Amino acid sequence: MKIEIITPEKKVYEGNIRSLKVPGKKGAFQVLKDHAAIVSTLVEGRVTVTDMDGRDSVFEIEGGVVEVQGNIIILLAESVR
């Protein structure tokens, strides 16, 4: 899967990943390869990106939106700490 994590100021992360965990408005969820298409609002919390080598990158976001379609993920975050 390909992902881009973007804030209004800059692109924070881009790459091929194995999985993504996000703080959805109705609860945290994980995105794996071939996930159904989805658009979800995100709340303040932790985003965990697992790359193809199994390494985790963790980002604290203030909220935002994530779109998953055809193994392409766009995460628009209000801000990332």
C-alpha atoms as a PDB file:
ATOM      1  CA  MET A   1       0.000   0.000   0.000  1.00  0.00           C
ATOM      2  CA  LYS A   2       1.094   3.563  -0.585  1.00  0.00           C
ATOM      3  CA  ILE A   3       0.497   6.340   1.926  1.00  0.00           C
ATOM      4  CA  GLU A   4       0.851  10.088   2.176  1.00  0.00           C
ATOM      5  CA  ILE A   5       0.416  11.904   5.495  1.00  0.00           C
ATOM      6  CA  ILE A   6      -0.120  15.597   4.860  1.00  0.00           C
ATOM      7  CA  THR A   7      -0.709  18.662   7.047  1.00  0.00           C
ATOM      8  CA  PRO A   8      -1.607  22.151   5.802  1.00  0.00           C
ATOM      9  CA  GLU A   9       2.091  23.045   6.097  1.00  0.00           C
ATOM     10  CA  LYS A  10       3.906  20.034   4.619  1.00  0.00           C
ATOM     11  CA  LYS A  11       4.024  16.366   3.651  1.00  0.00           C
ATOM     12  CA  VAL A  12       4.987  14.499   6.830  1.00  0.00           C
ATOM     13  CA  TYR A  13       5.379  10.949   5.504  1.00  0.00           C
ATOM     14  CA  GLU A  14       5.256   9.134   2.177  1.00  0.00           C
ATOM     15  CA  GLY A  15       6.041   5.534   1.333  1.00  0.00           C
ATOM     16  CA  ASN A  16       4.993   1.936   0.899  1.00  0.00           C
ATOM     17  CA  ILE A  17       3.589   0.398   4.056  1.00  0.00           C
ATOM     18  CA  ARG A  18       2.325  -2.887   5.475  1.00  0.00           C
ATOM     19  CA  SER A  19      -0.342  -1.442   7.810  1.00  0.00           C
ATOM     20  CA  LEU A  20      -1.824   1.718   9.302  1.00  0.00           C
ATOM     21  CA  LYS A  21      -3.564   2.264  12.656  1.00  0.00           C
ATOM     22  CA  VAL A  22      -5.605   5.438  13.105  1.00  0.00           C
ATOM     23  CA  PRO A  23      -7.856   7.019  15.765  1.00  0.00           C
ATOM     24  CA  GLY A  24     -11.226   7.075  13.997  1.00  0.00           C
ATOM     25  CA  LYS A  25     -14.056   9.220  15.331  1.00  0.00           C
ATOM     26  CA  LYS A  26     -16.046   6.062  16.173  1.00  0.00           C
ATOM     27  CA  GLY A  27     -13.005   4.125  17.392  1.00  0.00           C
ATOM     28  CA  ALA A  28      -9.498   3.191  16.353  1.00  0.00           C
ATOM     29  CA  PHE A  29      -9.080   0.931  13.338  1.00  0.00           C
ATOM     30  CA  GLN A  30      -6.381  -0.690  11.238  1.00  0.00           C
ATOM     31  CA  VAL A  31      -5.928  -0.632   7.467  1.00  0.00           C
ATOM     32  CA  LEU A  32      -4.287  -3.610   5.758  1.00  0.00           C
ATOM     33  CA  LYS A  33      -3.681  -4.461   2.087  1.00  0.00           C
ATOM     34  CA  ASP A  34      -6.877  -4.636  -0.018  1.00  0.00           C
ATOM     35  CA  HIS A  35      -8.946  -2.831   2.630  1.00  0.00           C
ATOM     36  CA  ALA A  36     -12.389  -1.743   1.448  1.00  0.00           C
ATOM     37  CA  ALA A  37     -12.642   1.847   0.234  1.00  0.00           C
ATOM     38  CA  ILE A  38     -13.359   4.176   3.129  1.00  0.00           C
ATOM     39  CA  VAL A  39     -13.343   7.825   4.126  1.00  0.00           C
ATOM     40  CA  SER A  40     -13.260   8.465   7.880  1.00  0.00           C
ATOM     41  CA  THR A  41     -12.846  11.434  10.182  1.00  0.00           C
ATOM     42  CA  LEU A  42     -10.052  11.178  12.712  1.00  0.00           C
ATOM     43  CA  VAL A  43      -9.791  12.488  16.257  1.00  0.00           C
ATOM     44  CA  GLU A  44      -6.767  13.498  18.302  1.00  0.00           C
ATOM     45  CA  GLY A  45      -4.544  10.507  18.912  1.00  0.00           C
ATOM     46  CA  ARG A  46      -1.800   8.222  17.694  1.00  0.00           C
ATOM     47  CA  VAL A  47      -1.240   7.134  14.096  1.00  0.00           C
ATOM     48  CA  THR A  48       1.035   4.101  13.679  1.00  0.00           C
ATOM     49  CA  VAL A  49       2.525   3.332  10.277  1.00  0.00           C
ATOM     50  CA  THR A  50       4.247  -0.052   9.833  1.00  0.00           C
ATOM     51  CA  ASP A  51       6.619  -0.031   6.869  1.00  0.00           C
ATOM     52  CA  MET A  52       7.448  -2.982   4.621  1.00  0.00           C
ATOM     53  CA  ASP A  53      10.358  -3.971   6.911  1.00  0.00           C
ATOM     54  CA  GLY A  54       8.073  -4.104   9.969  1.00  0.00           C
ATOM     55  CA  ARG A  55       9.354  -0.861  11.522  1.00  0.00           C
ATOM     56  CA  ASP A  56       6.779   1.422  13.161  1.00  0.00           C
ATOM     57  CA  SER A  57       6.620   5.201  12.800  1.00  0.00           C
ATOM     58  CA  VAL A  58       4.314   6.901  15.277  1.00  0.00           C
ATOM     59  CA  PHE A  59       2.691  10.311  14.802  1.00  0.00           C
ATOM     60  CA  GLU A  60       0.443  12.216  17.216  1.00  0.00           C
ATOM     61  CA  ILE A  61      -2.267  14.019  15.267  1.00  0.00           C
ATOM     62  CA  GLU A  62      -4.787  16.674  16.290  1.00  0.00           C
ATOM     63  CA  GLY A  63      -7.493  15.194  14.042  1.00  0.00           C
ATOM     64  CA  GLY A  64      -8.198  15.011  10.330  1.00  0.00           C
ATOM     65  CA  VAL A  65      -9.500  12.746   7.590  1.00  0.00           C
ATOM     66  CA  VAL A  66      -8.257   9.505   6.035  1.00  0.00           C
ATOM     67  CA  GLU A  67      -9.212   8.114   2.624  1.00  0.00           C
ATOM     68  CA  VAL A  68      -8.413   4.561   1.530  1.00  0.00           C
ATOM     69  CA  GLN A  69      -9.014   3.496  -2.051  1.00  0.00           C
ATOM     70  CA  GLY A  70      -7.289   0.834  -4.118  1.00  0.00           C
ATOM     71  CA  ASN A  71      -4.358   0.381  -1.682  1.00  0.00           C
ATOM     72  CA  ILE A  72      -3.665   4.124  -1.745  1.00  0.00           C
ATOM     73  CA  ILE A  73      -4.070   6.000   1.529  1.00  0.00           C
ATOM     74  CA  ILE A  74      -4.254   9.764   1.920  1.00  0.00           C
ATOM     75  CA  LEU A  75      -4.265  11.027   5.512  1.00  0.00           C
ATOM     76  CA  LEU A  76      -4.925  14.745   5.917  1.00  0.00           C
ATOM     77  CA  ALA A  77      -4.047  15.792   9.468  1.00  0.00           C
ATOM     78  CA  GLU A  78      -4.821  19.139  11.088  1.00  0.00           C
ATOM     79  CA  SER A  79      -1.364  18.961  12.682  1.00  0.00           C
ATOM     80  CA  VAL A  80       1.239  16.354  13.586  1.00  0.00           C
ATOM     81  CA  ARG A  81       3.366  16.377  16.745  1.00  0.00           C
END
